[in-house]
Amino acid sequence: MAIISVMLLSFLVVCAIAVALSKNLLTSIVIFMSYSVIMSVIWMILESPDLAITEAAVGAGVTSVLFYITLKKIHAMRGEEDDEAEK
């Protein structure tokens, strides 16, 4: 069990560094969502299912969706239509 815990904690560190260094906002959201899923698994290992469910629902679910909607609203994400229009 200790090996799994160390692997999960190392994934958390990698996700945190990747979010900080990522230049693409959509990629940052996906990495943030994976960070929340890993945290949810860690809470389950620590035998705290209430926090695990909350982390999965709020961290990976609601927050990621709100970030995605915000990027769409402020036109920070460029779609295929924008790429074709520039050509």
PDB file of N, CA and C in Angstrom:
ATOM      1  N   MET A   1       0.821  -1.195   0.000  1.00  0.00           N
ATOM      2  CA  MET A   1       0.000   0.000   0.000  1.00  0.00           C
ATOM      3  C   MET A   1       0.862   1.254   0.000  1.00  0.00           C
ATOM      4  N   ALA A   2       2.025   1.172   0.603  1.00  0.00           N
ATOM      5  CA  ALA A   2       2.912   2.334   0.664  1.00  0.00           C
ATOM      6  C   ALA A   2       3.418   2.703  -0.728  1.00  0.00           C
ATOM      7  N   ILE A   3       3.641   1.701  -1.559  1.00  0.00           N
ATOM      8  CA  ILE A   3       4.120   1.977  -2.925  1.00  0.00           C
ATOM      9  C   ILE A   3       3.049   2.731  -3.705  1.00  0.00           C
ATOM     10  N   ILE A   4       1.803   2.313  -3.558  1.00  0.00           N
ATOM     11  CA  ILE A   4       0.707   2.991  -4.260  1.00  0.00           C
ATOM     12  C   ILE A   4       0.565   4.428  -3.768  1.00  0.00           C
ATOM     13  N   SER A   5       0.683   4.626  -2.475  1.00  0.00           N
ATOM     14  CA  SER A   5       0.579   5.981  -1.920  1.00  0.00           C
ATOM     15  C   SER A   5       1.689   6.885  -2.443  1.00  0.00           C
ATOM     16  N   VAL A   6       2.895   6.356  -2.504  1.00  0.00           N
ATOM     17  CA  VAL A   6       4.018   7.147  -3.020  1.00  0.00           C
ATOM     18  C   VAL A   6       3.813   7.462  -4.501  1.00  0.00           C
ATOM     19  N   MET A   7       3.312   6.507  -5.262  1.00  0.00           N
ATOM     20  CA  MET A   7       3.050   6.754  -6.689  1.00  0.00           C
ATOM     21  C   MET A   7       1.983   7.827  -6.862  1.00  0.00           C
ATOM     22  N   LEU A   8       0.906   7.745  -6.090  1.00  0.00           N
ATOM     23  CA  LEU A   8      -0.155   8.743  -6.199  1.00  0.00           C
ATOM     24  C   LEU A   8       0.337  10.130  -5.793  1.00  0.00           C
ATOM     25  N   LEU A   9       1.117  10.200  -4.731  1.00  0.00           N
ATOM     26  CA  LEU A   9       1.653  11.494  -4.315  1.00  0.00           C
ATOM     27  C   LEU A   9       2.611  12.066  -5.351  1.00  0.00           C
ATOM     28  N   SER A  10       3.390  11.203  -5.995  1.00  0.00           N
ATOM     29  CA  SER A  10       4.284  11.696  -7.054  1.00  0.00           C
ATOM     30  C   SER A  10       3.473  12.173  -8.254  1.00  0.00           C
ATOM     31  N   PHE A  11       2.364  11.491  -8.571  1.00  0.00           N
ATOM     32  CA  PHE A  11       1.490  11.968  -9.647  1.00  0.00           C
ATOM     33  C   PHE A  11       0.903  13.332  -9.303  1.00  0.00           C
ATOM     34  N   LEU A  12       0.573  13.554  -8.023  1.00  0.00           N
ATOM     35  CA  LEU A  12       0.061  14.860  -7.614  1.00  0.00           C
ATOM     36  C   LEU A  12       1.091  15.959  -7.858  1.00  0.00           C
ATOM     37  N   VAL A  13       2.334  15.677  -7.511  1.00  0.00           N
ATOM     38  CA  VAL A  13       3.391  16.669  -7.724  1.00  0.00           C
ATOM     39  C   VAL A  13       3.580  16.930  -9.210  1.00  0.00           C
ATOM     40  N   VAL A  14       3.563  15.881 -10.017  1.00  0.00           N
ATOM     41  CA  VAL A  14       3.715  16.044 -11.468  1.00  0.00           C
ATOM     42  C   VAL A  14       2.551  16.856 -12.038  1.00  0.00           C
ATOM     43  N   CYS A  15       1.334  16.569 -11.587  1.00  0.00           N
ATOM     44  CA  CYS A  15       0.168  17.326 -12.068  1.00  0.00           C
ATOM     45  C   CYS A  15       0.270  18.793 -11.683  1.00  0.00           C
ATOM     46  N   ALA A  16       0.694  19.075 -10.470  1.00  0.00           N
ATOM     47  CA  ALA A  16       0.812  20.466 -10.022  1.00  0.00           C
ATOM     48  C   ALA A  16       1.851  21.219 -10.846  1.00  0.00           C
ATOM     49  N   ILE A  17       2.974  20.590 -11.106  1.00  0.00           N
ATOM     50  CA  ILE A  17       4.011  21.232 -11.923  1.00  0.00           C
ATOM     51  C   ILE A  17       3.536  21.398 -13.359  1.00  0.00           C
ATOM     52  N   ALA A  18       2.841  20.381 -13.894  1.00  0.00           N
ATOM     53  CA  ALA A  18       2.350  20.455 -15.271  1.00  0.00           C
ATOM     54  C   ALA A  18       1.329  21.576 -15.449  1.00  0.00           C
ATOM     55  N   VAL A  19       0.451  21.772 -14.472  1.00  0.00           N
ATOM     56  CA  VAL A  19      -0.530  22.867 -14.556  1.00  0.00           C
ATOM     57  C   VAL A  19       0.195  24.207 -14.548  1.00  0.00           C
ATOM     58  N   ALA A  20       1.211  24.316 -13.721  1.00  0.00           N
ATOM     59  CA  ALA A  20       1.937  25.583 -13.621  1.00  0.00           C
ATOM     60  C   ALA A  20       2.707  25.893 -14.903  1.00  0.00           C
ATOM     61  N   LEU A  21       3.182  24.871 -15.602  1.00  0.00           N
ATOM     62  CA  LEU A  21       4.009  25.092 -16.784  1.00  0.00           C
ATOM     63  C   LEU A  21       3.231  25.046 -18.097  1.00  0.00           C
ATOM     64  N   SER A  22       1.989  24.617 -18.054  1.00  0.00           N
ATOM     65  CA  SER A  22       1.198  24.474 -19.273  1.00  0.00           C
ATOM     66  C   SER A  22       0.791  25.838 -19.825  1.00  0.00           C
ATOM     67  N   LYS A  23       0.914  25.995 -21.125  1.00  0.00           N
ATOM     68  CA  LYS A  23       0.520  27.250 -21.772  1.00  0.00           C
ATOM     69  C   LYS A  23      -0.889  27.174 -22.359  1.00  0.00           C
ATOM     70  N   ASN A  24      -1.354  25.972 -22.631  1.00  0.00           N
ATOM     71  CA  ASN A  24      -2.693  25.781 -23.172  1.00  0.00           C
ATOM     72  C   ASN A  24      -3.686  25.687 -22.010  1.00  0.00           C
ATOM     73  N   LEU A  25      -4.701  26.528 -22.014  1.00  0.00           N
ATOM     74  CA  LEU A  25      -5.646  26.578 -20.906  1.00  0.00           C
ATOM     75  C   LEU A  25      -6.504  25.324 -20.806  1.00  0.00           C
ATOM     76  N   LEU A  26      -6.898  24.763 -21.938  1.00  0.00           N
ATOM     77  CA  LEU A  26      -7.708  23.552 -21.915  1.00  0.00           C
ATOM     78  C   LEU A  26      -6.906  22.386 -21.344  1.00  0.00           C
ATOM     79  N   THR A  27      -5.642  22.310 -21.688  1.00  0.00           N
ATOM     80  CA  THR A  27      -4.772  21.278 -21.125  1.00  0.00           C
ATOM     81  C   THR A  27      -4.648  21.450 -19.618  1.00  0.00           C
ATOM     82  N   SER A  28      -4.558  22.680 -19.168  1.00  0.00           N
ATOM     83  CA  SER A  28      -4.483  22.944 -17.731  1.00  0.00           C
ATOM     84  C   SER A  28      -5.729  22.467 -17.000  1.00  0.00           C
ATOM     85  N   ILE A  29      -6.886  22.653 -17.617  1.00  0.00           N
ATOM     86  CA  ILE A  29      -8.134  22.202 -17.008  1.00  0.00           C
ATOM     87  C   ILE A  29      -8.156  20.688 -16.896  1.00  0.00           C
ATOM     88  N   VAL A  30      -7.731  19.998 -17.939  1.00  0.00           N
ATOM     89  CA  VAL A  30      -7.718  18.535 -17.909  1.00  0.00           C
ATOM     90  C   VAL A  30      -6.737  18.020 -16.853  1.00  0.00           C
ATOM     91  N   ILE A  31      -5.585  18.649 -16.753  1.00  0.00           N
ATOM     92  CA  ILE A  31      -4.603  18.241 -15.741  1.00  0.00           C
ATOM     93  C   ILE A  31      -5.153  18.518 -14.347  1.00  0.00           C
ATOM     94  N   PHE A  32      -5.817  19.657 -14.172  1.00  0.00           N
ATOM     95  CA  PHE A  32      -6.429  19.978 -12.882  1.00  0.00           C
ATOM     96  C   PHE A  32      -7.484  18.944 -12.516  1.00  0.00           C
ATOM     97  N   MET A  33      -8.255  18.505 -13.509  1.00  0.00           N
ATOM     98  CA  MET A  33      -9.273  17.498 -13.263  1.00  0.00           C
ATOM     99  C   MET A  33      -8.625  16.172 -12.850  1.00  0.00           C
ATOM    100  N   SER A  34      -7.534  15.802 -13.489  1.00  0.00           N
ATOM    101  CA  SER A  34      -6.853  14.566 -13.106  1.00  0.00           C
ATOM    102  C   SER A  34      -6.253  14.688 -11.702  1.00  0.00           C
ATOM    103  N   TYR A  35      -5.785  15.879 -11.351  1.00  0.00           N
ATOM    104  CA  TYR A  35      -5.296  16.128  -9.992  1.00  0.00           C
ATOM    105  C   TYR A  35      -6.400  15.857  -8.977  1.00  0.00           C
ATOM    106  N   SER A  36      -7.596  16.320  -9.257  1.00  0.00           N
ATOM    107  CA  SER A  36      -8.718  16.123  -8.341  1.00  0.00           C
ATOM    108  C   SER A  36      -9.110  14.650  -8.241  1.00  0.00           C
ATOM    109  N   VAL A  37      -9.037  13.937  -9.348  1.00  0.00           N
ATOM    110  CA  VAL A  37      -9.360  12.507  -9.316  1.00  0.00           C
ATOM    111  C   VAL A  37      -8.336  11.754  -8.474  1.00  0.00           C
ATOM    112  N   ILE A  38      -7.067  12.084  -8.625  1.00  0.00           N
ATOM    113  CA  ILE A  38      -6.023  11.437  -7.827  1.00  0.00           C
ATOM    114  C   ILE A  38      -6.215  11.759  -6.346  1.00  0.00           C
ATOM    115  N   MET A  39      -6.552  13.010  -6.044  1.00  0.00           N
ATOM    116  CA  MET A  39      -6.821  13.367  -4.652  1.00  0.00           C
ATOM    117  C   MET A  39      -8.003  12.580  -4.097  1.00  0.00           C
ATOM    118  N   SER A  40      -8.993  12.351  -4.921  1.00  0.00           N
ATOM    119  CA  SER A  40     -10.149  11.571  -4.498  1.00  0.00           C
ATOM    120  C   SER A  40      -9.737  10.139  -4.150  1.00  0.00           C
ATOM    121  N   VAL A  41      -8.870   9.559  -4.953  1.00  0.00           N
ATOM    122  CA  VAL A  41      -8.374   8.208  -4.663  1.00  0.00           C
ATOM    123  C   VAL A  41      -7.568   8.198  -3.367  1.00  0.00           C
ATOM    124  N   ILE A  42      -6.763   9.221  -3.160  1.00  0.00           N
ATOM    125  CA  ILE A  42      -5.981   9.306  -1.924  1.00  0.00           C
ATOM    126  C   ILE A  42      -6.899   9.410  -0.712  1.00  0.00           C
ATOM    127  N   TRP A  43      -7.976  10.170  -0.823  1.00  0.00           N
ATOM    128  CA  TRP A  43      -8.927  10.257   0.291  1.00  0.00           C
ATOM    129  C   TRP A  43      -9.563   8.898   0.566  1.00  0.00           C
ATOM    130  N   MET A  44      -9.811   8.121  -0.487  1.00  0.00           N
ATOM    131  CA  MET A  44     -10.362   6.778  -0.281  1.00  0.00           C
ATOM    132  C   MET A  44      -9.363   5.876   0.422  1.00  0.00           C
ATOM    133  N   ILE A  45      -8.091   5.980   0.055  1.00  0.00           N
ATOM    134  CA  ILE A  45      -7.056   5.180   0.720  1.00  0.00           C
ATOM    135  C   ILE A  45      -6.960   5.564   2.192  1.00  0.00           C
ATOM    136  N   LEU A  46      -7.149   6.836   2.487  1.00  0.00           N
ATOM    137  CA  LEU A  46      -7.105   7.309   3.874  1.00  0.00           C
ATOM    138  C   LEU A  46      -8.410   7.033   4.634  1.00  0.00           C
ATOM    139  N   GLU A  47      -9.301   6.275   3.991  1.00  0.00           N
ATOM    140  CA  GLU A  47     -10.580   5.867   4.585  1.00  0.00           C
ATOM    141  C   GLU A  47     -11.459   7.050   4.972  1.00  0.00           C
ATOM    142  N   SER A  48     -11.555   7.986   4.047  1.00  0.00           N
ATOM    143  CA  SER A  48     -12.431   9.134   4.238  1.00  0.00           C
ATOM    144  C   SER A  48     -13.326   9.292   3.008  1.00  0.00           C
ATOM    145  N   PRO A  49     -14.344   8.441   2.900  1.00  0.00           N
ATOM    146  CA  PRO A  49     -15.166   8.445   1.683  1.00  0.00           C
ATOM    147  C   PRO A  49     -15.969   9.720   1.481  1.00  0.00           C
ATOM    148  N   ASP A  50     -16.338  10.414   2.560  1.00  0.00           N
ATOM    149  CA  ASP A  50     -17.100  11.649   2.401  1.00  0.00           C
ATOM    150  C   ASP A  50     -16.258  12.714   1.694  1.00  0.00           C
ATOM    151  N   LEU A  51     -14.997  12.826   2.070  1.00  0.00           N
ATOM    152  CA  LEU A  51     -14.111  13.777   1.386  1.00  0.00           C
ATOM    153  C   LEU A  51     -13.798  13.333  -0.029  1.00  0.00           C
ATOM    154  N   ALA A  52     -13.702  12.020  -0.243  1.00  0.00           N
ATOM    155  CA  ALA A  52     -13.428  11.510  -1.587  1.00  0.00           C
ATOM    156  C   ALA A  52     -14.563  11.844  -2.548  1.00  0.00           C
ATOM    157  N   ILE A  53     -15.783  11.654  -2.089  1.00  0.00           N
ATOM    158  CA  ILE A  53     -16.938  11.965  -2.940  1.00  0.00           C
ATOM    159  C   ILE A  53     -17.013  13.462  -3.209  1.00  0.00           C
ATOM    160  N   THR A  54     -16.761  14.261  -2.177  1.00  0.00           N
ATOM    161  CA  THR A  54     -16.790  15.712  -2.348  1.00  0.00           C
ATOM    162  C   THR A  54     -15.709  16.167  -3.310  1.00  0.00           C
ATOM    163  N   GLU A  55     -14.510  15.630  -3.177  1.00  0.00           N
ATOM    164  CA  GLU A  55     -13.408  15.993  -4.077  1.00  0.00           C
ATOM    165  C   GLU A  55     -13.721  15.602  -5.517  1.00  0.00           C
ATOM    166  N   ALA A  56     -14.294  14.425  -5.704  1.00  0.00           N
ATOM    167  CA  ALA A  56     -14.633  13.974  -7.051  1.00  0.00           C
ATOM    168  C   ALA A  56     -15.735  14.837  -7.658  1.00  0.00           C
ATOM    169  N   ALA A  57     -16.744  15.157  -6.864  1.00  0.00           N
ATOM    170  CA  ALA A  57     -17.873  15.928  -7.395  1.00  0.00           C
ATOM    171  C   ALA A  57     -17.504  17.380  -7.638  1.00  0.00           C
ATOM    172  N   VAL A  58     -16.878  18.003  -6.661  1.00  0.00           N
ATOM    173  CA  VAL A  58     -16.576  19.428  -6.775  1.00  0.00           C
ATOM    174  C   VAL A  58     -15.292  19.666  -7.563  1.00  0.00           C
ATOM    175  N   GLY A  59     -14.227  18.995  -7.189  1.00  0.00           N
ATOM    176  CA  GLY A  59     -12.935  19.228  -7.828  1.00  0.00           C
ATOM    177  C   GLY A  59     -12.885  18.787  -9.276  1.00  0.00           C
ATOM    178  N   ALA A  60     -13.250  17.533  -9.514  1.00  0.00           N
ATOM    179  CA  ALA A  60     -13.163  17.002 -10.876  1.00  0.00           C
ATOM    180  C   ALA A  60     -14.391  17.343 -11.704  1.00  0.00           C
ATOM    181  N   GLY A  61     -15.529  17.487 -11.067  1.00  0.00           N
ATOM    182  CA  GLY A  61     -16.758  17.705 -11.813  1.00  0.00           C
ATOM    183  C   GLY A  61     -17.113  19.159 -12.021  1.00  0.00           C
ATOM    184  N   VAL A  62     -17.627  19.774 -10.982  1.00  0.00           N
ATOM    185  CA  VAL A  62     -18.202  21.114 -11.085  1.00  0.00           C
ATOM    186  C   VAL A  62     -17.154  22.164 -11.459  1.00  0.00           C
ATOM    187  N   THR A  63     -16.015  22.148 -10.779  1.00  0.00           N
ATOM    188  CA  THR A  63     -14.997  23.168 -11.033  1.00  0.00           C
ATOM    189  C   THR A  63     -14.458  23.079 -12.458  1.00  0.00           C
ATOM    190  N   SER A  64     -14.227  21.866 -12.930  1.00  0.00           N
ATOM    191  CA  SER A  64     -13.713  21.703 -14.292  1.00  0.00           C
ATOM    192  C   SER A  64     -14.722  22.179 -15.335  1.00  0.00           C
ATOM    193  N   VAL A  65     -15.979  21.871 -15.099  1.00  0.00           N
ATOM    194  CA  VAL A  65     -17.025  22.332 -16.028  1.00  0.00           C
ATOM    195  C   VAL A  65     -17.115  23.856 -16.005  1.00  0.00           C
ATOM    196  N   LEU A  66     -17.043  24.457 -14.826  1.00  0.00           N
ATOM    197  CA  LEU A  66     -17.088  25.921 -14.743  1.00  0.00           C
ATOM    198  C   LEU A  66     -15.883  26.566 -15.430  1.00  0.00           C
ATOM    199  N   PHE A  67     -14.702  25.993 -15.266  1.00  0.00           N
ATOM    200  CA  PHE A  67     -13.524  26.507 -15.968  1.00  0.00           C
ATOM    201  C   PHE A  67     -13.713  26.420 -17.474  1.00  0.00           C
ATOM    202  N   TYR A  68     -14.222  25.287 -17.951  1.00  0.00           N
ATOM    203  CA  TYR A  68     -14.435  25.099 -19.389  1.00  0.00           C
ATOM    204  C   TYR A  68     -15.447  26.108 -19.925  1.00  0.00           C
ATOM    205  N   ILE A  69     -16.549  26.290 -19.222  1.00  0.00           N
ATOM    206  CA  ILE A  69     -17.573  27.257 -19.657  1.00  0.00           C
ATOM    207  C   ILE A  69     -16.994  28.670 -19.662  1.00  0.00           C
ATOM    208  N   THR A  70     -16.187  28.990 -18.657  1.00  0.00           N
ATOM    209  CA  THR A  70     -15.569  30.315 -18.603  1.00  0.00           C
ATOM    210  C   THR A  70     -14.656  30.544 -19.794  1.00  0.00           C
ATOM    211  N   LEU A  71     -13.867  29.538 -20.160  1.00  0.00           N
ATOM    212  CA  LEU A  71     -12.997  29.677 -21.328  1.00  0.00           C
ATOM    213  C   LEU A  71     -13.802  29.884 -22.603  1.00  0.00           C
ATOM    214  N   LYS A  72     -14.926  29.182 -22.712  1.00  0.00           N
ATOM    215  CA  LYS A  72     -15.782  29.368 -23.886  1.00  0.00           C
ATOM    216  C   LYS A  72     -16.383  30.775 -23.907  1.00  0.00           C
ATOM    217  N   LYS A  73     -16.822  31.270 -22.746  1.00  0.00           N
ATOM    218  CA  LYS A  73     -17.470  32.584 -22.677  1.00  0.00           C
ATOM    219  C   LYS A  73     -16.515  33.729 -22.994  1.00  0.00           C
ATOM    220  N   ILE A  74     -15.279  33.615 -22.557  1.00  0.00           N
ATOM    221  CA  ILE A  74     -14.327  34.698 -22.805  1.00  0.00           C
ATOM    222  C   ILE A  74     -13.564  34.492 -24.106  1.00  0.00           C
ATOM    223  N   HIS A  75     -13.978  33.473 -24.858  1.00  0.00           N
ATOM    224  CA  HIS A  75     -13.375  33.171 -26.161  1.00  0.00           C
ATOM    225  C   HIS A  75     -11.873  32.927 -26.054  1.00  0.00           C
ATOM    226  N   ALA A  76     -11.467  32.271 -24.977  1.00  0.00           N
ATOM    227  CA  ALA A  76     -10.054  31.945 -24.793  1.00  0.00           C
ATOM    228  C   ALA A  76      -9.671  30.686 -25.557  1.00  0.00           C
ATOM    229  N   MET A  77     -10.677  29.871 -25.899  1.00  0.00           N
ATOM    230  CA  MET A  77     -10.406  28.663 -26.673  1.00  0.00           C
ATOM    231  C   MET A  77     -10.764  28.934 -28.117  1.00  0.00           C
ATOM    232  N   ARG A  78      -9.845  28.596 -28.982  1.00  0.00           N
ATOM    233  CA  ARG A  78     -10.089  28.791 -30.408  1.00  0.00           C
ATOM    234  C   ARG A  78     -10.520  27.470 -31.002  1.00  0.00           C
ATOM    235  N   GLY A  79     -11.633  27.484 -31.681  1.00  0.00           N
ATOM    236  CA  GLY A  79     -12.155  26.272 -32.294  1.00  0.00           C
ATOM    237  C   GLY A  79     -11.612  26.077 -33.694  1.00  0.00           C
ATOM    238  N   GLU A  80     -12.067  25.024 -34.340  1.00  0.00           N
ATOM    239  CA  GLU A  80     -11.635  24.732 -35.698  1.00  0.00           C
ATOM    240  C   GLU A  80     -12.134  25.805 -36.663  1.00  0.00           C
ATOM    241  N   GLU A  81     -13.280  26.406 -36.353  1.00  0.00           N
ATOM    242  CA  GLU A  81     -13.819  27.444 -37.230  1.00  0.00           C
ATOM    243  C   GLU A  81     -12.881  28.645 -37.274  1.00  0.00           C
ATOM    244  N   ASP A  82     -12.311  29.005 -36.113  1.00  0.00           N
ATOM    245  CA  ASP A  82     -11.399  30.144 -36.053  1.00  0.00           C
ATOM    246  C   ASP A  82     -10.113  29.845 -36.831  1.00  0.00           C
ATOM    247  N   ASP A  83      -9.638  28.607 -36.746  1.00  0.00           N
ATOM    248  CA  ASP A  83      -8.427  28.232 -37.459  1.00  0.00           C
ATOM    249  C   ASP A  83      -8.628  28.274 -38.971  1.00  0.00           C
ATOM    250  N   GLU A  84      -9.807  27.845 -39.439  1.00  0.00           N
ATOM    251  CA  GLU A  84     -10.095  27.863 -40.859  1.00  0.00           C
ATOM    252  C   GLU A  84     -10.299  29.292 -41.357  1.00  0.00           C
ATOM    253  N   ALA A  85     -10.848  30.164 -40.523  1.00  0.00           N
ATOM    254  CA  ALA A  85     -11.080  31.541 -40.914  1.00  0.00           C
ATOM    255  C   ALA A  85      -9.769  32.315 -41.099  1.00  0.00           C
ATOM    256  N   GLU A  86      -8.760  31.938 -40.340  1.00  0.00           N
ATOM    257  CA  GLU A  86      -7.481  32.621 -40.437  1.00  0.00           C
ATOM    258  C   GLU A  86      -6.700  32.225 -41.687  1.00  0.00           C
ATOM    259  N   LYS A  87      -7.024  31.061 -42.238  1.00  0.00           N
ATOM    260  CA  LYS A  87      -6.271  30.578 -43.411  1.00  0.00           C
ATOM    261  C   LYS A  87      -6.687  31.248 -44.671  1.00  0.00           C
TER     262      LYS A  87
END
